[in-house]
Amino acid sequence: MHGLVGPNGAGKTTLLALLLGLAQADGGELEIFGCPVRRTLALPAGVAGFVDGPGLYPSLTARQNLAALARLRGDGSGGIDDVLERVGLTDVADDRVRGFSLGMRQRLGLAAALLTTPRLLVLDEPANGLDPAGTRDVHRVLSELAARGTAIVLSSHRMDDLAALCSEITLLAGGRVVFSGPITELAAGADELDYRLRTSDPAAARRVASETPDLRVLPNDDLYQRRDAGALLVRAAMPALDDLVARLVGGGVAVRELSPVVPPLEAAFLALTAAANMPREGGSR
């Protein structure tokens, strides 16, 4: 799976619309499955998905929506019950969509895309509005599709979604690509991070941390510290953090929690988008 991420206005929706044939590029070339795409709605077979939420008929039931879509494509109604079950909507299959929550609509949009058995699935914020159980179900469906060979491109503002699903990621800022590659490479690009540390002996942990080279103990009046007075906040790169843990354990201090205040993937995202949005030398300010 390939993730697409960037701040609002970065160009994610435009790129997804191009992949779905809903927009036409004013320059450059686009190929899908080796076929040039030069006009809207001229995609090769096997492409499915949605942008800005799925288009649904609110007065129809979930089942009727899928049946109408199948008829528009010249397909039969076979497979509707199967896709409804896969996205967890069997119990509400005959309820009108106007009463669906945002998360249920997202699931129905995914079911509509699955009707075509796509080779390329393009999804815009597929976990938007889902509760934890719904997110887990959607992740399961997408992972199964990817394992069977479906290429999936999805956008998300939730970095945990991307970390859980995607092997590669493209980061957009201001209409430009500022990173594209393995998601592990992007996460590894974060240098120093703030970490929350809980131990069996906070006083000893503070003393050991203050003596650890290349590691900074954040002051007590730091914003994070005020929110969580029971934790020690430190700023370090990974080698210094490893050194700290070794010193604590060697001194008999149990480490009960050590976690980044901002996950590495999110920290890298913030750093790269901030750099991309900085005014260029000689440019307007």
C-alpha atoms as a PDB file:
ATOM      1  CA  MET A   1       0.000   0.000   0.000  1.00  0.00           C
ATOM      2  CA  HIS A   2       1.142   3.526  -0.786  1.00  0.00           C
ATOM      3  CA  GLY A   3       0.157   6.374   1.533  1.00  0.00           C
ATOM      4  CA  LEU A   4      -0.405   9.960   0.489  1.00  0.00           C
ATOM      5  CA  VAL A   5      -0.038  12.601   3.162  1.00  0.00           C
ATOM      6  CA  GLY A   6       0.321  16.353   3.408  1.00  0.00           C
ATOM      7  CA  PRO A   7      -1.241  19.444   4.976  1.00  0.00           C
ATOM      8  CA  ASN A   8      -4.573  20.812   3.778  1.00  0.00           C
ATOM      9  CA  GLY A   9      -4.211  22.274   0.298  1.00  0.00           C
ATOM     10  CA  ALA A  10      -1.094  20.266  -0.507  1.00  0.00           C
ATOM     11  CA  GLY A  11      -2.661  18.615  -3.566  1.00  0.00           C
ATOM     12  CA  LYS A  12      -3.637  15.176  -2.219  1.00  0.00           C
ATOM     13  CA  THR A  13      -7.251  15.284  -3.384  1.00  0.00           C
ATOM     14  CA  THR A  14      -6.240  16.589  -6.805  1.00  0.00           C
ATOM     15  CA  LEU A  15      -3.796  13.711  -7.266  1.00  0.00           C
ATOM     16  CA  LEU A  16      -6.379  11.143  -6.167  1.00  0.00           C
ATOM     17  CA  ALA A  17      -8.947  12.669  -8.544  1.00  0.00           C
ATOM     18  CA  LEU A  18      -6.443  12.308 -11.402  1.00  0.00           C
ATOM     19  CA  LEU A  19      -5.939   8.631 -10.550  1.00  0.00           C
ATOM     20  CA  LEU A  20      -9.723   8.095 -10.599  1.00  0.00           C
ATOM     21  CA  GLY A  21     -10.274   9.975 -13.855  1.00  0.00           C
ATOM     22  CA  LEU A  22     -12.270  12.700 -12.107  1.00  0.00           C
ATOM     23  CA  ALA A  23      -9.864  15.465 -13.102  1.00  0.00           C
ATOM     24  CA  GLN A  24      -7.544  16.182 -15.997  1.00  0.00           C
ATOM     25  CA  ALA A  25      -3.968  17.351 -15.613  1.00  0.00           C
ATOM     26  CA  ASP A  26      -3.041  20.653 -17.272  1.00  0.00           C
ATOM     27  CA  GLY A  27       0.463  19.368 -17.901  1.00  0.00           C
ATOM     28  CA  GLY A  28       2.641  16.287 -17.780  1.00  0.00           C
ATOM     29  CA  GLU A  29       1.651  12.704 -18.454  1.00  0.00           C
ATOM     30  CA  LEU A  30      -0.240  10.084 -16.466  1.00  0.00           C
ATOM     31  CA  GLU A  31      -0.135   6.350 -17.093  1.00  0.00           C
ATOM     32  CA  ILE A  32      -2.154   3.713 -15.243  1.00  0.00           C
ATOM     33  CA  PHE A  33      -1.353   0.058 -15.916  1.00  0.00           C
ATOM     34  CA  GLY A  34       0.763   1.243 -18.839  1.00  0.00           C
ATOM     35  CA  CYS A  35      -2.154   3.077 -20.471  1.00  0.00           C
ATOM     36  CA  PRO A  36      -1.855   6.854 -21.048  1.00  0.00           C
ATOM     37  CA  VAL A  37      -4.731   8.791 -19.466  1.00  0.00           C
ATOM     38  CA  ARG A  38      -5.321  12.051 -21.334  1.00  0.00           C
ATOM     39  CA  ARG A  39      -8.937  12.885 -20.479  1.00  0.00           C
ATOM     40  CA  THR A  40     -11.409  12.449 -17.660  1.00  0.00           C
ATOM     41  CA  LEU A  41     -13.288   9.193 -17.216  1.00  0.00           C
ATOM     42  CA  ALA A  42     -10.897   7.437 -19.601  1.00  0.00           C
ATOM     43  CA  LEU A  43      -9.329   4.963 -17.207  1.00  0.00           C
ATOM     44  CA  PRO A  44      -8.400   1.367 -17.916  1.00  0.00           C
ATOM     45  CA  ALA A  45     -10.569  -1.299 -16.321  1.00  0.00           C
ATOM     46  CA  GLY A  46      -9.816  -2.241 -12.739  1.00  0.00           C
ATOM     47  CA  VAL A  47      -9.635   1.192 -11.085  1.00  0.00           C
ATOM     48  CA  ALA A  48     -12.019   1.977  -8.221  1.00  0.00           C
ATOM     49  CA  GLY A  49     -12.285   4.223  -5.193  1.00  0.00           C
ATOM     50  CA  PHE A  50     -13.626   7.555  -4.008  1.00  0.00           C
ATOM     51  CA  VAL A  51     -12.544  11.126  -3.271  1.00  0.00           C
ATOM     52  CA  ASP A  52     -14.121  13.501  -0.739  1.00  0.00           C
ATOM     53  CA  GLY A  53     -16.324  10.689   0.530  1.00  0.00           C
ATOM     54  CA  PRO A  54     -18.344   8.177  -1.471  1.00  0.00           C
ATOM     55  CA  GLY A  55     -21.274   9.326  -3.604  1.00  0.00           C
ATOM     56  CA  LEU A  56     -24.398   7.624  -2.265  1.00  0.00           C
ATOM     57  CA  TYR A  57     -28.170   7.862  -2.670  1.00  0.00           C
ATOM     58  CA  PRO A  58     -29.474   8.793   0.804  1.00  0.00           C
ATOM     59  CA  SER A  59     -33.045   7.625   0.103  1.00  0.00           C
ATOM     60  CA  LEU A  60     -31.881   4.116  -0.853  1.00  0.00           C
ATOM     61  CA  THR A  61     -30.705   1.357   1.430  1.00  0.00           C
ATOM     62  CA  ALA A  62     -27.122   0.155   1.507  1.00  0.00           C
ATOM     63  CA  ARG A  63     -28.051  -2.883  -0.558  1.00  0.00           C
ATOM     64  CA  GLN A  64     -30.021  -0.780  -3.063  1.00  0.00           C
ATOM     65  CA  ASN A  65     -27.096   1.612  -3.465  1.00  0.00           C
ATOM     66  CA  LEU A  66     -24.797  -1.248  -4.372  1.00  0.00           C
ATOM     67  CA  ALA A  67     -27.380  -2.799  -6.704  1.00  0.00           C
ATOM     68  CA  ALA A  68     -27.848   0.532  -8.516  1.00  0.00           C
ATOM     69  CA  LEU A  69     -24.086   0.868  -8.921  1.00  0.00           C
ATOM     70  CA  ALA A  70     -23.842  -2.680 -10.270  1.00  0.00           C
ATOM     71  CA  ARG A  71     -26.571  -1.963 -12.836  1.00  0.00           C
ATOM     72  CA  LEU A  72     -24.817   1.234 -13.964  1.00  0.00           C
ATOM     73  CA  ARG A  73     -21.721  -0.823 -14.617  1.00  0.00           C
ATOM     74  CA  GLY A  74     -23.684  -3.502 -16.416  1.00  0.00           C
ATOM     75  CA  ASP A  75     -23.016  -6.062 -13.697  1.00  0.00           C
ATOM     76  CA  GLY A  76     -25.406  -8.352 -11.901  1.00  0.00           C
ATOM     77  CA  SER A  77     -26.165  -8.162  -8.206  1.00  0.00           C
ATOM     78  CA  GLY A  78     -23.869 -11.051  -7.353  1.00  0.00           C
ATOM     79  CA  GLY A  79     -21.311 -10.246  -4.685  1.00  0.00           C
ATOM     80  CA  ILE A  80     -23.323  -7.551  -2.898  1.00  0.00           C
ATOM     81  CA  ASP A  81     -23.958  -9.627   0.214  1.00  0.00           C
ATOM     82  CA  ASP A  82     -20.305 -10.642   0.281  1.00  0.00           C
ATOM     83  CA  VAL A  83     -18.912  -7.099   0.201  1.00  0.00           C
ATOM     84  CA  LEU A  84     -21.459  -5.908   2.767  1.00  0.00           C
ATOM     85  CA  GLU A  85     -20.282  -8.656   5.089  1.00  0.00           C
ATOM     86  CA  ARG A  86     -16.619  -7.839   4.475  1.00  0.00           C
ATOM     87  CA  VAL A  87     -17.075  -4.212   5.565  1.00  0.00           C
ATOM     88  CA  GLY A  88     -19.342  -5.073   8.504  1.00  0.00           C
ATOM     89  CA  LEU A  89     -22.647  -3.694   7.176  1.00  0.00           C
ATOM     90  CA  THR A  90     -24.716  -6.877   6.935  1.00  0.00           C
ATOM     91  CA  ASP A  91     -26.937  -5.895   9.866  1.00  0.00           C
ATOM     92  CA  VAL A  92     -27.835  -2.528   8.289  1.00  0.00           C
ATOM     93  CA  ALA A  93     -27.920  -3.657   4.649  1.00  0.00           C
ATOM     94  CA  ASP A  94     -31.605  -2.766   4.329  1.00  0.00           C
ATOM     95  CA  ASP A  95     -31.461   0.542   6.228  1.00  0.00           C
ATOM     96  CA  ARG A  96     -31.648   3.822   4.332  1.00  0.00           C
ATOM     97  CA  VAL A  97     -28.279   5.525   3.937  1.00  0.00           C
ATOM     98  CA  ARG A  98     -29.626   8.901   5.119  1.00  0.00           C
ATOM     99  CA  GLY A  99     -29.463   7.525   8.655  1.00  0.00           C
ATOM    100  CA  PHE A 100     -25.874   6.303   8.363  1.00  0.00           C
ATOM    101  CA  SER A 101     -23.048   7.822  10.331  1.00  0.00           C
ATOM    102  CA  LEU A 102     -19.961   9.136   8.552  1.00  0.00           C
ATOM    103  CA  GLY A 103     -18.089   5.959   9.389  1.00  0.00           C
ATOM    104  CA  MET A 104     -20.863   3.746   8.010  1.00  0.00           C
ATOM    105  CA  ARG A 105     -20.891   5.771   4.788  1.00  0.00           C
ATOM    106  CA  GLN A 106     -17.142   5.260   4.480  1.00  0.00           C
ATOM    107  CA  ARG A 107     -17.632   1.518   4.874  1.00  0.00           C
ATOM    108  CA  LEU A 108     -20.342   1.503   2.215  1.00  0.00           C
ATOM    109  CA  GLY A 109     -18.055   3.435  -0.131  1.00  0.00           C
ATOM    110  CA  LEU A 110     -15.400   0.788   0.375  1.00  0.00           C
ATOM    111  CA  ALA A 111     -17.980  -1.936  -0.312  1.00  0.00           C
ATOM    112  CA  ALA A 112     -18.903  -0.192  -3.580  1.00  0.00           C
ATOM    113  CA  ALA A 113     -15.244  -0.153  -4.621  1.00  0.00           C
ATOM    114  CA  LEU A 114     -14.855  -3.842  -3.765  1.00  0.00           C
ATOM    115  CA  LEU A 115     -17.730  -4.810  -6.095  1.00  0.00           C
ATOM    116  CA  THR A 116     -15.411  -4.323  -9.070  1.00  0.00           C
ATOM    117  CA  THR A 117     -12.568  -6.521  -7.727  1.00  0.00           C
ATOM    118  CA  PRO A 118     -10.174  -3.636  -8.449  1.00  0.00           C
ATOM    119  CA  ARG A 119      -6.551  -3.874  -9.501  1.00  0.00           C
ATOM    120  CA  LEU A 120      -6.006  -0.308  -8.255  1.00  0.00           C
ATOM    121  CA  LEU A 121      -7.977   0.991  -5.268  1.00  0.00           C
ATOM    122  CA  VAL A 122      -7.811   4.747  -4.556  1.00  0.00           C
ATOM    123  CA  LEU A 123      -9.224   5.899  -1.219  1.00  0.00           C
ATOM    124  CA  ASP A 124      -9.497   9.332   0.365  1.00  0.00           C
ATOM    125  CA  GLU A 125      -9.474   9.160   4.179  1.00  0.00           C
ATOM    126  CA  PRO A 126     -11.013   5.656   4.345  1.00  0.00           C
ATOM    127  CA  ALA A 127     -10.938   5.580   8.167  1.00  0.00           C
ATOM    128  CA  ASN A 128     -12.581   8.997   8.561  1.00  0.00           C
ATOM    129  CA  GLY A 129     -15.372   8.840  11.140  1.00  0.00           C
ATOM    130  CA  LEU A 130     -14.685   5.238  12.151  1.00  0.00           C
ATOM    131  CA  ASP A 131     -14.540   4.057  15.752  1.00  0.00           C
ATOM    132  CA  PRO A 132     -11.606   1.806  16.797  1.00  0.00           C
ATOM    133  CA  ALA A 133     -13.501  -1.377  15.881  1.00  0.00           C
ATOM    134  CA  GLY A 134     -14.461   0.029  12.481  1.00  0.00           C
ATOM    135  CA  THR A 135     -10.908   1.161  11.836  1.00  0.00           C
ATOM    136  CA  ARG A 136      -9.664  -2.332  12.628  1.00  0.00           C
ATOM    137  CA  ASP A 137     -12.186  -3.862  10.213  1.00  0.00           C
ATOM    138  CA  VAL A 138     -11.234  -1.504   7.381  1.00  0.00           C
ATOM    139  CA  HIS A 139      -7.534  -2.131   8.013  1.00  0.00           C
ATOM    140  CA  ARG A 140      -8.196  -5.871   7.814  1.00  0.00           C
ATOM    141  CA  VAL A 141     -10.035  -5.588   4.498  1.00  0.00           C
ATOM    142  CA  LEU A 142      -7.340  -3.387   2.965  1.00  0.00           C
ATOM    143  CA  SER A 143      -4.555  -5.654   4.184  1.00  0.00           C
ATOM    144  CA  GLU A 144      -6.286  -8.689   2.681  1.00  0.00           C
ATOM    145  CA  LEU A 145      -6.680  -6.893  -0.660  1.00  0.00           C
ATOM    146  CA  ALA A 146      -3.035  -5.856  -0.695  1.00  0.00           C
ATOM    147  CA  ALA A 147      -1.955  -9.416   0.117  1.00  0.00           C
ATOM    148  CA  ARG A 148      -3.922 -10.617  -2.920  1.00  0.00           C
ATOM    149  CA  GLY A 149      -2.119  -8.195  -5.224  1.00  0.00           C
ATOM    150  CA  THR A 150      -4.384  -5.132  -5.313  1.00  0.00           C
ATOM    151  CA  ALA A 151      -2.429  -1.888  -5.527  1.00  0.00           C
ATOM    152  CA  ILE A 152      -3.836   0.561  -2.971  1.00  0.00           C
ATOM    153  CA  VAL A 153      -3.245   4.303  -2.783  1.00  0.00           C
ATOM    154  CA  LEU A 154      -4.813   6.038   0.194  1.00  0.00           C
ATOM    155  CA  SER A 155      -4.647   9.441   1.787  1.00  0.00           C
ATOM    156  CA  SER A 156      -4.989  10.042   5.494  1.00  0.00           C
ATOM    157  CA  HIS A 157      -4.361  12.710   8.097  1.00  0.00           C
ATOM    158  CA  ARG A 158      -3.921   9.927  10.649  1.00  0.00           C
ATOM    159  CA  MET A 159      -0.275   8.979  10.789  1.00  0.00           C
ATOM    160  CA  ASP A 160      -1.118   5.833  12.757  1.00  0.00           C
ATOM    161  CA  ASP A 161      -3.207   4.627   9.792  1.00  0.00           C
ATOM    162  CA  LEU A 162      -0.279   5.107   7.445  1.00  0.00           C
ATOM    163  CA  ALA A 163       2.168   3.445   9.817  1.00  0.00           C
ATOM    164  CA  ALA A 164      -0.138   0.434  10.224  1.00  0.00           C
ATOM    165  CA  LEU A 165      -0.977  -0.040   6.550  1.00  0.00           C
ATOM    166  CA  CYS A 166       1.574   1.442   4.196  1.00  0.00           C
ATOM    167  CA  SER A 167       4.993   0.264   3.118  1.00  0.00           C
ATOM    168  CA  GLU A 168       5.675   3.440   1.122  1.00  0.00           C
ATOM    169  CA  ILE A 169       4.563   7.024   1.459  1.00  0.00           C
ATOM    170  CA  THR A 170       4.533  10.232  -0.566  1.00  0.00           C
ATOM    171  CA  LEU A 171       4.525  13.518   1.289  1.00  0.00           C
ATOM    172  CA  LEU A 172       3.144  16.585  -0.503  1.00  0.00           C
ATOM    173  CA  ALA A 173       3.517  20.209   0.506  1.00  0.00           C
ATOM    174  CA  GLY A 174       2.454  23.178  -1.586  1.00  0.00           C
ATOM    175  CA  GLY A 175       1.756  21.005  -4.603  1.00  0.00           C
ATOM    176  CA  ARG A 176       5.256  19.519  -4.602  1.00  0.00           C
ATOM    177  CA  VAL A 177       6.604  16.124  -3.553  1.00  0.00           C
ATOM    178  CA  VAL A 178       8.946  16.630  -0.605  1.00  0.00           C
ATOM    179  CA  PHE A 179       9.443  12.928   0.156  1.00  0.00           C
ATOM    180  CA  SER A 180       8.591   9.644  -1.531  1.00  0.00           C
ATOM    181  CA  GLY A 181       9.897   6.293  -0.404  1.00  0.00           C
ATOM    182  CA  PRO A 182       9.718   3.617   2.300  1.00  0.00           C
ATOM    183  CA  ILE A 183       7.781   4.719   5.347  1.00  0.00           C
ATOM    184  CA  THR A 184      10.551   3.396   7.600  1.00  0.00           C
ATOM    185  CA  GLU A 185      13.000   5.752   5.903  1.00  0.00           C
ATOM    186  CA  LEU A 186      10.758   8.748   6.604  1.00  0.00           C
ATOM    187  CA  ALA A 187      10.313   7.778  10.258  1.00  0.00           C
ATOM    188  CA  ALA A 188      14.065   7.257  10.645  1.00  0.00           C
ATOM    189  CA  GLY A 189      14.642  10.780   9.359  1.00  0.00           C
ATOM    190  CA  ALA A 190      13.511  12.269  12.660  1.00  0.00           C
ATOM    191  CA  ASP A 191      16.596  13.281  14.649  1.00  0.00           C
ATOM    192  CA  GLU A 192      16.050  14.401  18.230  1.00  0.00           C
ATOM    193  CA  LEU A 193      12.628  13.740  19.714  1.00  0.00           C
ATOM    194  CA  ASP A 194      10.940  14.430  23.036  1.00  0.00           C
ATOM    195  CA  TYR A 195      10.325  11.282  25.081  1.00  0.00           C
ATOM    196  CA  ARG A 196       8.143  10.660  28.127  1.00  0.00           C
ATOM    197  CA  LEU A 197       9.945   8.575  30.766  1.00  0.00           C
ATOM    198  CA  ARG A 198       8.353   6.866  33.776  1.00  0.00           C
ATOM    199  CA  THR A 199      10.479   4.864  36.197  1.00  0.00           C
ATOM    200  CA  SER A 200      10.403   3.265  39.637  1.00  0.00           C
ATOM    201  CA  ASP A 201      12.562   6.114  41.016  1.00  0.00           C
ATOM    202  CA  PRO A 202      11.869   9.517  39.387  1.00  0.00           C
ATOM    203  CA  ALA A 203      14.552  11.326  41.391  1.00  0.00           C
ATOM    204  CA  ALA A 204      17.244   8.819  40.430  1.00  0.00           C
ATOM    205  CA  ALA A 205      16.055   8.866  36.814  1.00  0.00           C
ATOM    206  CA  ARG A 206      16.388  12.656  36.678  1.00  0.00           C
ATOM    207  CA  ARG A 207      19.915  12.447  38.086  1.00  0.00           C
ATOM    208  CA  VAL A 208      20.973   9.736  35.624  1.00  0.00           C
ATOM    209  CA  ALA A 209      19.387  11.579  32.690  1.00  0.00           C
ATOM    210  CA  SER A 210      21.181  14.812  33.574  1.00  0.00           C
ATOM    211  CA  GLU A 211      24.501  12.926  33.491  1.00  0.00           C
ATOM    212  CA  THR A 212      23.838  11.218  30.119  1.00  0.00           C
ATOM    213  CA  PRO A 213      25.768  12.813  27.232  1.00  0.00           C
ATOM    214  CA  ASP A 214      23.834  14.305  24.294  1.00  0.00           C
ATOM    215  CA  LEU A 215      20.567  14.165  26.224  1.00  0.00           C
ATOM    216  CA  ARG A 216      18.605  17.100  27.584  1.00  0.00           C
ATOM    217  CA  VAL A 217      16.159  16.983  30.476  1.00  0.00           C
ATOM    218  CA  LEU A 218      13.313  19.341  29.694  1.00  0.00           C
ATOM    219  CA  PRO A 219      12.526  21.940  32.380  1.00  0.00           C
ATOM    220  CA  ASN A 220       9.713  21.426  34.857  1.00  0.00           C
ATOM    221  CA  ASP A 221       7.721  24.301  33.388  1.00  0.00           C
ATOM    222  CA  ASP A 222       7.654  22.682  29.940  1.00  0.00           C
ATOM    223  CA  LEU A 223       4.113  22.411  28.556  1.00  0.00           C
ATOM    224  CA  TYR A 224       4.200  18.595  28.418  1.00  0.00           C
ATOM    225  CA  GLN A 225       5.610  18.432  31.928  1.00  0.00           C
ATOM    226  CA  ARG A 226       2.749  20.491  33.328  1.00  0.00           C
ATOM    227  CA  ARG A 227       0.243  18.151  31.711  1.00  0.00           C
ATOM    228  CA  ASP A 228       1.927  15.024  33.088  1.00  0.00           C
ATOM    229  CA  ALA A 229       3.761  15.883  36.287  1.00  0.00           C
ATOM    230  CA  GLY A 230       4.542  12.251  37.058  1.00  0.00           C
ATOM    231  CA  ALA A 231       6.772  11.808  34.004  1.00  0.00           C
ATOM    232  CA  LEU A 232      10.259  12.972  33.141  1.00  0.00           C
ATOM    233  CA  LEU A 233      10.581  14.585  29.724  1.00  0.00           C
ATOM    234  CA  VAL A 234      13.860  14.225  27.862  1.00  0.00           C
ATOM    235  CA  ARG A 235      15.030  15.243  24.402  1.00  0.00           C
ATOM    236  CA  ALA A 236      17.506  13.002  22.603  1.00  0.00           C
ATOM    237  CA  ALA A 237      18.418  11.100  19.476  1.00  0.00           C
ATOM    238  CA  MET A 238      18.224   7.309  19.588  1.00  0.00           C
ATOM    239  CA  PRO A 239      21.892   6.600  20.557  1.00  0.00           C
ATOM    240  CA  ALA A 240      21.642   8.850  23.620  1.00  0.00           C
ATOM    241  CA  LEU A 241      18.307   7.265  24.519  1.00  0.00           C
ATOM    242  CA  ASP A 242      19.860   3.795  24.373  1.00  0.00           C
ATOM    243  CA  ASP A 243      22.632   5.031  26.648  1.00  0.00           C
ATOM    244  CA  LEU A 244      20.077   6.402  29.128  1.00  0.00           C
ATOM    245  CA  VAL A 245      18.162   3.108  29.317  1.00  0.00           C
ATOM    246  CA  ALA A 246      21.396   1.156  29.876  1.00  0.00           C
ATOM    247  CA  ARG A 247      22.414   3.530  32.676  1.00  0.00           C
ATOM    248  CA  LEU A 248      19.021   3.333  34.375  1.00  0.00           C
ATOM    249  CA  VAL A 249      18.834  -0.459  34.262  1.00  0.00           C
ATOM    250  CA  GLY A 250      22.447  -0.750  35.370  1.00  0.00           C
ATOM    251  CA  GLY A 251      21.655   1.454  38.351  1.00  0.00           C
ATOM    252  CA  GLY A 252      18.670  -0.656  39.376  1.00  0.00           C
ATOM    253  CA  VAL A 253      16.006   1.803  38.169  1.00  0.00           C
ATOM    254  CA  ALA A 254      13.078   0.076  36.440  1.00  0.00           C
ATOM    255  CA  VAL A 255      11.858   1.684  33.215  1.00  0.00           C
ATOM    256  CA  ARG A 256       8.048   1.536  33.165  1.00  0.00           C
ATOM    257  CA  GLU A 257       7.363   3.713  30.139  1.00  0.00           C
ATOM    258  CA  LEU A 258       9.490   5.289  27.451  1.00  0.00           C
ATOM    259  CA  SER A 259       7.522   6.701  24.536  1.00  0.00           C
ATOM    260  CA  PRO A 260       7.841   9.620  22.119  1.00  0.00           C
ATOM    261  CA  VAL A 261       5.615  12.579  22.891  1.00  0.00           C
ATOM    262  CA  VAL A 262       5.190  12.986  19.122  1.00  0.00           C
ATOM    263  CA  PRO A 263       5.594   9.720  17.120  1.00  0.00           C
ATOM    264  CA  PRO A 264       8.636   9.673  14.793  1.00  0.00           C
ATOM    265  CA  LEU A 265       6.505   9.588  11.639  1.00  0.00           C
ATOM    266  CA  GLU A 266       4.518  12.623  12.722  1.00  0.00           C
ATOM    267  CA  ALA A 267       7.680  14.456  13.758  1.00  0.00           C
ATOM    268  CA  ALA A 268       9.226  13.840  10.340  1.00  0.00           C
ATOM    269  CA  PHE A 269       6.014  15.025   8.665  1.00  0.00           C
ATOM    270  CA  LEU A 270       6.019  18.265  10.667  1.00  0.00           C
ATOM    271  CA  ALA A 271       9.696  18.915   9.981  1.00  0.00           C
ATOM    272  CA  LEU A 272       9.464  18.301   6.228  1.00  0.00           C
ATOM    273  CA  THR A 273       6.276  20.301   5.682  1.00  0.00           C
ATOM    274  CA  ALA A 274       7.642  23.180   7.749  1.00  0.00           C
ATOM    275  CA  ALA A 275      10.823  23.199   5.660  1.00  0.00           C
ATOM    276  CA  ALA A 276       8.841  23.049   2.413  1.00  0.00           C
ATOM    277  CA  ASN A 277       6.692  26.011   3.455  1.00  0.00           C
ATOM    278  CA  MET A 278       9.640  28.243   4.399  1.00  0.00           C
ATOM    279  CA  PRO A 279      10.059  31.208   2.004  1.00  0.00           C
ATOM    280  CA  ARG A 280      12.802  30.635  -0.531  1.00  0.00           C
ATOM    281  CA  GLU A 281      15.812  32.906  -0.620  1.00  0.00           C
ATOM    282  CA  GLY A 282      14.978  35.997  -2.628  1.00  0.00           C
ATOM    283  CA  GLY A 283      11.302  35.073  -2.712  1.00  0.00           C
ATOM    284  CA  SER A 284       8.318  36.864  -1.250  1.00  0.00           C
ATOM    285  CA  ARG A 285       7.734  36.791   2.470  1.00  0.00           C
END
